[in-house]
C-alpha atoms as a PDB file:
ATOM      1  CA  MET A   1     110.766 109.080  18.463  1.00  0.00           C
ATOM      2  CA  ALA A   2     111.442 105.515  18.362  1.00  0.00           C
ATOM      3  CA  ARG A   3     110.038 102.560  20.226  1.00  0.00           C
ATOM      4  CA  PRO A   4     111.886 102.198  23.596  1.00  0.00           C
ATOM      5  CA  HIS A   5     114.012  99.658  24.627  1.00  0.00           C
ATOM      6  CA  ILE A   6     112.630  96.730  26.178  1.00  0.00           C
ATOM      7  CA  ASP A   7     115.121  93.863  27.618  1.00  0.00           C
ATOM      8  CA  TYR A   8     113.310  91.838  28.536  1.00  0.00           C
ATOM      9  CA  LEU A   9     109.624  91.731  30.062  1.00  0.00           C
ATOM     10  CA  GLN A  10     107.803  88.050  30.875  1.00  0.00           C
ATOM     11  CA  THR A  11     104.649  88.440  28.198  1.00  0.00           C
ATOM     12  CA  GLN A  12     102.444  86.756  31.178  1.00  0.00           C
ATOM     13  CA  ALA A  13     103.083  89.338  32.867  1.00  0.00           C
ATOM     14  CA  LEU A  14     101.060  92.034  30.614  1.00  0.00           C
ATOM     15  CA  PRO A  15      97.437  91.615  31.010  1.00  0.00           C
ATOM     16  CA  TRP A  16      94.836  90.680  28.047  1.00  0.00           C
ATOM     17  CA  GLN A  17      92.731  93.858  26.835  1.00  0.00           C
ATOM     18  CA  GLU A  18      90.526  94.294  24.694  1.00  0.00           C
ATOM     19  CA  SER A  19      91.360  94.754  20.872  1.00  0.00           C
ATOM     20  CA  ALA A  20      90.664  98.590  19.688  1.00  0.00           C
ATOM     21  CA  TRP A  21      91.795  97.714  16.849  1.00  0.00           C
ATOM     22  CA  LYS A  22      88.838  97.716  14.306  1.00  0.00           C
ATOM     23  CA  ARG A  23      91.177  94.910  11.911  1.00  0.00           C
ATOM     24  CA  LEU A  24      91.257  92.646  15.497  1.00  0.00           C
ATOM     25  CA  PRO A  25      87.361  93.366  16.823  1.00  0.00           C
ATOM     26  CA  GLY A  26      86.161  90.316  19.808  1.00  0.00           C
ATOM     27  CA  CYS A  27      90.641  89.387  20.159  1.00  0.00           C
ATOM     28  CA  ARG A  28      91.965  90.647  23.314  1.00  0.00           C
ATOM     29  CA  VAL A  29      95.413  91.565  22.719  1.00  0.00           C
ATOM     30  CA  LYS A  30      99.193  92.649  24.712  1.00  0.00           C
ATOM     31  CA  THR A  31     100.448  95.223  23.005  1.00  0.00           C
ATOM     32  CA  LEU A  32     104.666  94.070  23.112  1.00  0.00           C
ATOM     33  CA  SER A  33     105.830  97.177  21.948  1.00  0.00           C
ATOM     34  CA  GLN A  34     105.045 100.162  19.364  1.00  0.00           C
ATOM     35  CA  ASP A  35     106.537 103.474  17.347  1.00  0.00           C
ATOM     36  CA  PRO A  36     104.485 106.089  18.961  1.00  0.00           C
ATOM     37  CA  ASP A  37     105.217 108.025  15.318  1.00  0.00           C
ATOM     38  CA  SER A  38     104.746 105.487  12.120  1.00  0.00           C
ATOM     39  CA  GLY A  39     102.084 103.246  14.706  1.00  0.00           C
ATOM     40  CA  ALA A  40     103.829  99.974  13.737  1.00  0.00           C
ATOM     41  CA  VAL A  41     103.148  97.617  16.648  1.00  0.00           C
ATOM     42  CA  SER A  42     103.899  94.294  17.954  1.00  0.00           C
ATOM     43  CA  LEU A  43     101.412  92.128  19.536  1.00  0.00           C
ATOM     44  CA  LEU A  44      99.889  89.359  20.974  1.00  0.00           C
ATOM     45  CA  VAL A  45      96.751  88.090  20.151  1.00  0.00           C
ATOM     46  CA  ARG A  46      93.649  85.914  20.909  1.00  0.00           C
ATOM     47  CA  TYR A  47      91.165  84.971  18.653  1.00  0.00           C
ATOM     48  CA  PRO A  48      88.309  83.582  20.708  1.00  0.00           C
ATOM     49  CA  SER A  49      87.318  80.219  19.656  1.00  0.00           C
ATOM     50  CA  GLY A  50      84.471  80.918  16.512  1.00  0.00           C
ATOM     51  CA  TRP A  51      85.698  84.214  15.759  1.00  0.00           C
ATOM     52  CA  SER A  52      85.246  85.515  12.408  1.00  0.00           C
ATOM     53  CA  ALA A  53      85.313  89.002  10.866  1.00  0.00           C
ATOM     54  CA  PRO A  54      83.990  91.170   7.814  1.00  0.00           C
ATOM     55  CA  SER A  55      86.905  92.143   5.494  1.00  0.00           C
ATOM     56  CA  PRO A  56      88.898  94.918   6.226  1.00  0.00           C
ATOM     57  CA  ALA A  57      89.991  97.451   4.444  1.00  0.00           C
ATOM     58  CA  PRO A  58      93.382  96.892   2.553  1.00  0.00           C
ATOM     59  CA  LEU A  59      96.160  98.185   4.591  1.00  0.00           C
ATOM     60  CA  ALA A  60      99.253 100.343   4.120  1.00  0.00           C
ATOM     61  CA  THR A  61     101.182  98.569   5.370  1.00  0.00           C
ATOM     62  CA  ALA A  62     102.531  94.959   5.717  1.00  0.00           C
ATOM     63  CA  GLU A  63     101.262  92.361   8.141  1.00  0.00           C
ATOM     64  CA  GLU A  64     102.892  89.166   9.461  1.00  0.00           C
ATOM     65  CA  LEU A  65     101.633  86.953  11.679  1.00  0.00           C
ATOM     66  CA  PHE A  66     103.321  83.578  13.872  1.00  0.00           C
ATOM     67  CA  VAL A  67     100.572  81.169  15.154  1.00  0.00           C
ATOM     68  CA  LEU A  68     101.580  79.917  18.743  1.00  0.00           C
ATOM     69  CA  GLU A  69      98.602  77.949  18.658  1.00  0.00           C
ATOM     70  CA  GLY A  70      95.173  77.115  17.710  1.00  0.00           C
ATOM     71  CA  LEU A  71      94.080  77.811  13.691  1.00  0.00           C
ATOM     72  CA  LEU A  72      93.487  81.091  11.712  1.00  0.00           C
ATOM     73  CA  GLU A  73      91.991  80.744   8.494  1.00  0.00           C
ATOM     74  CA  LEU A  74      92.525  83.818   5.918  1.00  0.00           C
ATOM     75  CA  ASP A  75      90.111  82.933   2.486  1.00  0.00           C
ATOM     76  CA  GLY A  76      90.518  79.409   2.740  1.00  0.00           C
ATOM     77  CA  ARG A  77      94.309  79.476   3.590  1.00  0.00           C
ATOM     78  CA  ARG A  78      94.983  77.023   6.891  1.00  0.00           C
ATOM     79  CA  TYR A  79      97.510  78.654   9.526  1.00  0.00           C
ATOM     80  CA  GLY A  80      98.086  76.109  11.812  1.00  0.00           C
ATOM     81  CA  GLN A  81     100.285  76.022  15.382  1.00  0.00           C
ATOM     82  CA  ASP A  82     104.097  77.233  13.592  1.00  0.00           C
ATOM     83  CA  CYS A  83     102.805  78.751  10.983  1.00  0.00           C
ATOM     84  CA  TYR A  84     103.675  81.805   9.070  1.00  0.00           C
ATOM     85  CA  GLY A  85     102.295  84.336   7.339  1.00  0.00           C
ATOM     86  CA  TRP A  86     103.316  87.668   5.379  1.00  0.00           C
ATOM     87  CA  PHE A  87     101.229  89.770   3.476  1.00  0.00           C
ATOM     88  CA  PRO A  88     101.960  93.043   1.041  1.00  0.00           C
ATOM     89  CA  PRO A  89     100.941  96.645   1.786  1.00  0.00           C
ATOM     90  CA  GLY A  90      97.239  96.354  -0.227  1.00  0.00           C
ATOM     91  CA  CYS A  91      96.303  93.307   1.156  1.00  0.00           C
ATOM     92  CA  ARG A  92      92.443  92.262   2.257  1.00  0.00           C
ATOM     93  CA  HIS A  93      91.678  89.431   3.245  1.00  0.00           C
ATOM     94  CA  ALA A  94      87.990  88.980   2.189  1.00  0.00           C
ATOM     95  CA  VAL A  95      86.895  85.693   4.823  1.00  0.00           C
ATOM     96  CA  ARG A  96      88.751  85.425   8.112  1.00  0.00           C
ATOM     97  CA  THR A  97      88.257  83.092  10.802  1.00  0.00           C
ATOM     98  CA  ALA A  98      89.186  80.936  13.713  1.00  0.00           C
ATOM     99  CA  ALA A  99      86.292  78.307  14.393  1.00  0.00           C
ATOM    100  CA  THR A 100      88.799  76.835  17.302  1.00  0.00           C
ATOM    101  CA  GLY A 101      90.238  80.331  18.102  1.00  0.00           C
ATOM    102  CA  ALA A 102      93.747  81.098  18.485  1.00  0.00           C
ATOM    103  CA  VAL A 103      96.938  82.562  19.735  1.00  0.00           C
ATOM    104  CA  ALA A 104      98.956  84.484  16.674  1.00  0.00           C
ATOM    105  CA  LEU A 105     102.102  86.827  16.704  1.00  0.00           C
ATOM    106  CA  GLN A 106     100.946  89.571  14.977  1.00  0.00           C
ATOM    107  CA  PHE A 107     103.237  92.670  13.170  1.00  0.00           C
ATOM    108  CA  PHE A 108     102.305  95.411  12.006  1.00  0.00           C
ATOM    109  CA  GLY A 109     104.413  98.252   9.596  1.00  0.00           C
ATOM    110  CA  ALA A 110     102.181 101.308  11.017  1.00  0.00           C
ATOM    111  CA  ALA A 111      99.012 101.348  13.130  1.00  0.00           C
ATOM    112  CA  PRO A 112      96.944  97.996  12.415  1.00  0.00           C
ATOM    113  CA  ASP A 113      93.834 100.088  11.197  1.00  0.00           C
ATOM    114  CA  ALA A 114      95.538 102.175   9.042  1.00  0.00           C
ATOM    115  CA  GLY A 115      94.008 101.536   5.102  1.00  0.00           C
ATOM    116  CA  ALA A 116      96.256 101.484   2.285  1.00  0.00           C
ATOM    117  CA  ALA A 117      97.557 104.759   1.483  1.00  0.00           C
ATOM    118  CA  THR A 118      98.154 104.692  -2.456  1.00  0.00           C
ATOM    119  CA  PRO A 119      95.700 103.422  -4.742  1.00  0.00           C
ATOM    120  CA  GLY A 120      97.439 100.437  -6.165  1.00  0.00           C
ATOM    121  CA  PRO A 121      96.299  96.668  -7.556  1.00  0.00           C
ATOM    122  CA  ALA A 122      93.715  94.759  -5.233  1.00  0.00           C
ATOM    123  CA  ARG A 123      95.673  92.176  -3.633  1.00  0.00           C
ATOM    124  CA  THR A 124      94.788  88.759  -1.430  1.00  0.00           C
ATOM    125  CA  THR A 125      95.642  86.594   0.588  1.00  0.00           C
ATOM    126  CA  ALA A 126      96.972  84.330  -2.255  1.00  0.00           C
ATOM    127  CA  ASP A 127      99.741  87.570  -2.765  1.00  0.00           C
ATOM    128  CA  GLY A 128     100.987  86.615   0.542  1.00  0.00           C
ATOM    129  CA  GLU A 129     103.091  83.979   2.224  1.00  0.00           C
ATOM    130  CA  LEU A 130     102.350  80.379   4.373  1.00  0.00           C
ATOM    131  CA  VAL A 131     105.344  79.319   5.711  1.00  0.00           C
ATOM    132  CA  ASP A 132     105.163  75.621   8.027  1.00  0.00           C
ATOM    133  CA  ALA A 133     107.791  76.382   9.828  1.00  0.00           C
ATOM    134  CA  PHE A 134     107.683  73.288  11.317  1.00  0.00           C
ATOM    135  CA  GLU A 135     108.848  71.607   7.900  1.00  0.00           C
ATOM    136  CA  LEU A 136     111.390  73.868   7.302  1.00  0.00           C
ATOM    137  CA  PRO A 137     114.780  72.317   6.894  1.00  0.00           C
ATOM    138  CA  TRP A 138     117.839  73.911   9.462  1.00  0.00           C
ATOM    139  CA  SER A 139     120.747  75.886   8.518  1.00  0.00           C
ATOM    140  CA  ASP A 140     124.163  74.402   9.406  1.00  0.00           C
ATOM    141  CA  GLY A 141     124.506  78.305  11.015  1.00  0.00           C
ATOM    142  CA  SER A 142     126.766  78.759   9.001  1.00  0.00           C
ATOM    143  CA  GLY A 143     125.831  81.660   6.747  1.00  0.00           C
ATOM    144  CA  SER A 144     125.338  83.803   9.410  1.00  0.00           C
ATOM    145  CA  ALA A 145     127.540  85.276  11.095  1.00  0.00           C
ATOM    146  CA  ALA A 146     125.244  86.409  13.960  1.00  0.00           C
ATOM    147  CA  PHE A 147     123.795  83.115  14.971  1.00  0.00           C
ATOM    148  CA  GLY A 148     126.197  80.907  13.490  1.00  0.00           C
ATOM    149  CA  GLY A 149     128.684  80.552  16.563  1.00  0.00           C
ATOM    150  CA  ALA A 150     128.172  78.025  20.167  1.00  0.00           C
ATOM    151  CA  GLY A 151     125.785  75.620  18.098  1.00  0.00           C
ATOM    152  CA  ARG A 152     123.418  77.645  17.432  1.00  0.00           C
ATOM    153  CA  ARG A 153     120.760  77.094  14.047  1.00  0.00           C
ATOM    154  CA  SER A 154     118.270  78.928  12.296  1.00  0.00           C
ATOM    155  CA  LYS A 155     115.697  78.665   9.877  1.00  0.00           C
ATOM    156  CA  THR A 156     114.883  81.863   7.477  1.00  0.00           C
ATOM    157  CA  LEU A 157     110.893  82.585   7.329  1.00  0.00           C
ATOM    158  CA  HIS A 158     111.084  85.993   5.133  1.00  0.00           C
ATOM    159  CA  GLY A 159     113.715  87.624   3.907  1.00  0.00           C
ATOM    160  CA  SER A 160     117.475  87.991   4.321  1.00  0.00           C
ATOM    161  CA  LEU A 161     120.435  88.664   6.598  1.00  0.00           C
ATOM    162  CA  ASP A 162     121.780  90.945   3.815  1.00  0.00           C
ATOM    163  CA  GLY A 163     118.683  92.778   3.363  1.00  0.00           C
ATOM    164  CA  ASP A 164     116.556  95.067   4.732  1.00  0.00           C
ATOM    165  CA  ALA A 165     114.486  93.134   6.994  1.00  0.00           C
ATOM    166  CA  ALA A 166     114.951  89.438   7.938  1.00  0.00           C
ATOM    167  CA  THR A 167     112.405  86.859  10.129  1.00  0.00           C
ATOM    168  CA  LEU A 168     113.384  84.236  11.458  1.00  0.00           C
ATOM    169  CA  LEU A 169     113.538  81.386  14.102  1.00  0.00           C
ATOM    170  CA  VAL A 170     116.780  80.479  15.872  1.00  0.00           C
ATOM    171  CA  ALA A 171     117.587  77.845  18.090  1.00  0.00           C
ATOM    172  CA  SER A 172     120.347  77.026  20.800  1.00  0.00           C
ATOM    173  CA  PRO A 173     121.376  73.536  22.009  1.00  0.00           C
ATOM    174  CA  PRO A 174     121.648  72.883  25.504  1.00  0.00           C
ATOM    175  CA  HIS A 175     123.876  74.045  28.001  1.00  0.00           C
ATOM    176  CA  GLN A 176     124.847  76.105  24.812  1.00  0.00           C
ATOM    177  CA  HIS A 177     127.251  78.962  26.637  1.00  0.00           C
ATOM    178  CA  PRO A 178     130.606  81.127  25.859  1.00  0.00           C
ATOM    179  CA  PRO A 179     133.797  79.181  26.710  1.00  0.00           C
ATOM    180  CA  GLY A 180     134.688  80.571  30.122  1.00  0.00           C
ATOM    181  CA  TRP A 181     131.485  82.019  30.463  1.00  0.00           C
ATOM    182  CA  CYS A 182     133.006  84.954  29.562  1.00  0.00           C
ATOM    183  CA  ALA A 183     132.302  87.174  25.434  1.00  0.00           C
ATOM    184  CA  PRO A 184     132.244  90.196  23.481  1.00  0.00           C
ATOM    185  CA  GLN A 185     129.325  91.768  23.552  1.00  0.00           C
ATOM    186  CA  GLU A 186     126.669  92.156  20.586  1.00  0.00           C
ATOM    187  CA  ILE A 187     126.145  95.548  18.544  1.00  0.00           C
ATOM    188  CA  HIS A 188     124.143  95.412  15.725  1.00  0.00           C
ATOM    189  CA  PRO A 189     123.783  98.508  12.934  1.00  0.00           C
ATOM    190  CA  CYS A 190     119.762  97.905  12.821  1.00  0.00           C
ATOM    191  CA  ALA A 191     116.619  97.189  15.991  1.00  0.00           C
ATOM    192  CA  VAL A 192     116.107  93.328  16.689  1.00  0.00           C
ATOM    193  CA  GLU A 193     113.423  91.842  18.478  1.00  0.00           C
ATOM    194  CA  LEU A 194     112.905  88.517  20.102  1.00  0.00           C
ATOM    195  CA  PHE A 195     109.729  86.024  21.349  1.00  0.00           C
ATOM    196  CA  LEU A 196     111.383  83.620  23.194  1.00  0.00           C
ATOM    197  CA  LEU A 197     109.141  80.173  21.989  1.00  0.00           C
ATOM    198  CA  SER A 198     110.459  77.419  23.912  1.00  0.00           C
ATOM    199  CA  GLY A 199     112.926  77.225  26.164  1.00  0.00           C
ATOM    200  CA  GLU A 200     115.175  79.379  28.440  1.00  0.00           C
ATOM    201  CA  LEU A 201     118.083  81.998  27.578  1.00  0.00           C
ATOM    202  CA  LEU A 202     120.389  83.842  30.361  1.00  0.00           C
ATOM    203  CA  SER A 203     121.952  87.083  30.149  1.00  0.00           C
ATOM    204  CA  PRO A 204     123.238  89.544  31.873  1.00  0.00           C
ATOM    205  CA  VAL A 205     119.341  91.238  32.544  1.00  0.00           C
ATOM    206  CA  GLY A 206     118.478  87.889  33.788  1.00  0.00           C
ATOM    207  CA  PRO A 207     116.819  84.542  33.216  1.00  0.00           C
ATOM    208  CA  MET A 208     114.163  84.893  30.287  1.00  0.00           C
ATOM    209  CA  ALA A 209     111.680  81.791  30.181  1.00  0.00           C
ATOM    210  CA  ALA A 210     109.338  81.530  27.455  1.00  0.00           C
ATOM    211  CA  GLY A 211     106.756  84.538  26.285  1.00  0.00           C
ATOM    212  CA  GLY A 212     109.687  86.358  26.856  1.00  0.00           C
ATOM    213  CA  TYR A 213     110.241  89.744  24.650  1.00  0.00           C
ATOM    214  CA  CYS A 214     113.105  92.178  23.771  1.00  0.00           C
ATOM    215  CA  TRP A 215     113.081  94.861  21.808  1.00  0.00           C
ATOM    216  CA  ARG A 216     116.506  96.472  21.258  1.00  0.00           C
ATOM    217  CA  PRO A 217     116.828 100.076  19.364  1.00  0.00           C
ATOM    218  CA  PRO A 218     119.781  99.845  16.828  1.00  0.00           C
ATOM    219  CA  ARG A 219     123.717  99.824  18.205  1.00  0.00           C
ATOM    220  CA  VAL A 220     122.139  98.659  21.767  1.00  0.00           C
ATOM    221  CA  ALA A 221     125.216  96.210  23.202  1.00  0.00           C
ATOM    222  CA  HIS A 222     124.005  93.271  24.294  1.00  0.00           C
ATOM    223  CA  GLY A 223     125.203  89.708  25.298  1.00  0.00           C
ATOM    224  CA  PRO A 224     126.290  87.633  25.914  1.00  0.00           C
ATOM    225  CA  ALA A 225     124.213  84.879  26.174  1.00  0.00           C
ATOM    226  CA  ALA A 226     123.509  81.243  27.227  1.00  0.00           C
ATOM    227  CA  SER A 227     120.990  78.612  27.891  1.00  0.00           C
ATOM    228  CA  ARG A 228     120.940  75.130  29.948  1.00  0.00           C
ATOM    229  CA  GLY A 229     117.835  73.524  28.177  1.00  0.00           C
ATOM    230  CA  GLY A 230     117.826  75.118  25.060  1.00  0.00           C
ATOM    231  CA  ASN A 231     115.786  77.297  23.178  1.00  0.00           C
ATOM    232  CA  MET A 232     114.007  78.722  20.106  1.00  0.00           C
ATOM    233  CA  ALA A 233     113.455  82.622  19.364  1.00  0.00           C
ATOM    234  CA  LEU A 234     111.412  83.835  16.808  1.00  0.00           C
ATOM    235  CA  VAL A 235     113.823  87.044  15.901  1.00  0.00           C
ATOM    236  CA  ARG A 236     112.906  89.876  13.166  1.00  0.00           C
ATOM    237  CA  THR A 237     115.693  92.203  11.873  1.00  0.00           C
ATOM    238  CA  HIS A 238     114.965  95.764  11.031  1.00  0.00           C
ATOM    239  CA  GLY A 239     117.752  96.156   8.813  1.00  0.00           C
ATOM    240  CA  PRO A 240     120.791  94.522   7.746  1.00  0.00           C
ATOM    241  CA  LEU A 241     122.095  92.250  10.514  1.00  0.00           C
ATOM    242  CA  ARG A 242     125.426  90.860   9.680  1.00  0.00           C
ATOM    243  CA  ALA A 243     127.527  93.936   9.886  1.00  0.00           C
ATOM    244  CA  THR A 244     127.259  92.841  13.328  1.00  0.00           C
ATOM    245  CA  GLU A 245     129.711  94.881  15.570  1.00  0.00           C
ATOM    246  CA  HIS A 246     131.585  93.257  19.255  1.00  0.00           C
ATOM    247  CA  THR A 247     132.608  95.267  21.624  1.00  0.00           C
ATOM    248  CA  ALA A 248     136.651  95.537  22.960  1.00  0.00           C
ATOM    249  CA  HIS A 249     134.920  94.440  26.293  1.00  0.00           C
ATOM    250  CA  GLU A 250     134.264  90.618  27.698  1.00  0.00           C
ATOM    251  CA  LEU A 251     131.685  90.374  30.429  1.00  0.00           C
ATOM    252  CA  ARG A 252     131.223  88.066  32.342  1.00  0.00           C
ATOM    253  CA  LEU A 253     127.838  85.792  32.310  1.00  0.00           C
ATOM    254  CA  GLU A 254     126.906  84.259  35.368  1.00  0.00           C
ATOM    255  CA  ARG A 255     125.385  80.746  35.221  1.00  0.00           C
ATOM    256  CA  GLU A 256     122.014  82.695  37.831  1.00  0.00           C
ATOM    257  CA  PRO A 257     122.127  86.033  36.579  1.00  0.00           C
ATOM    258  CA  ALA A 258     119.762  88.374  38.531  1.00  0.00           C
ATOM    259  CA  TYR A 259     117.023  89.677  36.974  1.00  0.00           C
ATOM    260  CA  GLU A 260     117.587  93.427  36.273  1.00  0.00           C
ATOM    261  CA  PRO A 261     115.712  94.722  33.323  1.00  0.00           C
ATOM    262  CA  VAL A 262     115.688  97.267  30.674  1.00  0.00           C
ATOM    263  CA  LEU A 263     112.538  98.984  30.897  1.00  0.00           C
ATOM    264  CA  PRO A 264     110.841 102.240  29.839  1.00  0.00           C
ATOM    265  CA  ASP A 265     108.695 104.462  32.342  1.00  0.00           C
ATOM    266  CA  GLY A 266     104.875 102.608  31.798  1.00  0.00           C
ATOM    267  CA  LEU A 267     106.376  98.758  32.474  1.00  0.00           C
ATOM    268  CA  ARG A 268     108.379  99.354  35.521  1.00  0.00           C
ATOM    269  CA  ALA A 269     106.550  98.144  37.558  1.00  0.00           C
ATOM    270  CA  LEU A 270     107.113  94.999  35.809  1.00  0.00           C
ATOM    271  CA  ARG A 271     110.826  94.757  37.326  1.00  0.00           C
ATOM    272  CA  GLY A 272     110.049  92.844  40.537  1.00  0.00           C
ATOM    273  CA  ARG A 273     110.873  88.967  40.282  1.00  0.00           C
ATOM    274  CA  PRO A 274     110.528  87.547  36.609  1.00  0.00           C
ATOM    275  CA  TRP A 275     107.823  85.065  35.826  1.00  0.00           C
ATOM    276  CA  ARG A 276     108.717  81.331  36.161  1.00  0.00           C
ATOM    277  CA  PRO A 277     107.096  78.424  34.704  1.00  0.00           C
ATOM    278  CA  GLN A 278     106.023  75.333  37.807  1.00  0.00           C
ATOM    279  CA  ARG A 279     107.662  72.467  36.951  1.00  0.00           C
ATOM    280  CA  TYR A 280     107.416  70.709  38.941  1.00  0.00           C
END
């Protein structure tokens, strides 16, 4: 069984829960989505001020993180706000601290407490990546068929849109919408997940605010999308995104779309009015 289709939920509506993962002791987490077979999971993690934890066992799979607030230190490497980290299978962080606390998105390709699957060379934090996304230049969008239109720009943090996986930031300008508010829907050959970091996004399933999250399985038609004030999202692809197709039909997007999310049974209670930030 693959991860269920989520499009979309406001993570503010999910309760914080005490971490059951030994790799994240003393933290509070929100589980955004999880594969019931492999244990692969996407988490929102809150590290309390003064947090530290002993070195966990090497992880059997790759791990990714993106820091939303605060500062994480892994073996002396400082992952502050807007910093991205990728760590290969078998990696062990000897010293982990969050002196002033932190909130991060974290992604594991298997259950977070799974040990290394096979013996191999010892890997440490230094074998991973540290990318300060704030310092990366934006692309002009021309290199990505999926994100090149309507003034969108991107920053690739890891991987490639032609490869097995990619993690990137995608930004849309204010007053971005398809011509005449009508456009074909996109169909990606691979699963794609998105976390809205800032701004808002309009789509046929409703208005998404910062903190919105979706997981779309392969070949799910979605969109079109628009934004009044602009937005920035963290996007993870799980296959070659450049092979995106478009439907033969066009769909009209409303300027004030109704909130009609696609949610699995366990999240149906969140189908009420979407969470909206207070502006004034």
